[in-house]
Amino acid sequence: MSIEEQKRQLIADIERAHLLYIDVSGKHKLVHDSLVCHLYGDGTITYTKGGHIYGQRSVQNIAPSIPDFIPLLLPIIGSAPAYSYAILSDAECFGFRRRMLYLAERMAHVSQQNIHYS
């Protein structure tokens, strides 16, 4: 599978996981948990308090952005693809981030090959 196909599959998998938590009223179920985990398009993972104070408290950065990774456009749109995000379980966030790291490594390898052969 090409890198672009893997990126599209990863985005689809993240969107599918994110949508599993949307209830019939259109609200996200995980924001009612005590901690809410966000996965951003650049690989950053953050936690914030959930429940009735969701969105009103500070956000803690748990995993930094992935260097030289072209950000994915995720379900909740920010001001740029790097700031788009999905609300997922912490296990899902870290699992998807591992796939992002793998893609970043593949992209770097291809880039190195292109430099070597040009």
Foldseek 3Di string as FASTA:
>chain_A
DDLVVLLVVLQVVLQVQLVVQQDPVRDGNQLQDQKWWKQAQQLWIWIDGGRPCPPPDDIGTDDDGDPPQDGDQHDADDPDRRGHIGTHPPVVSVVSSVSSNVSSVVVVVVVVVVVVVD
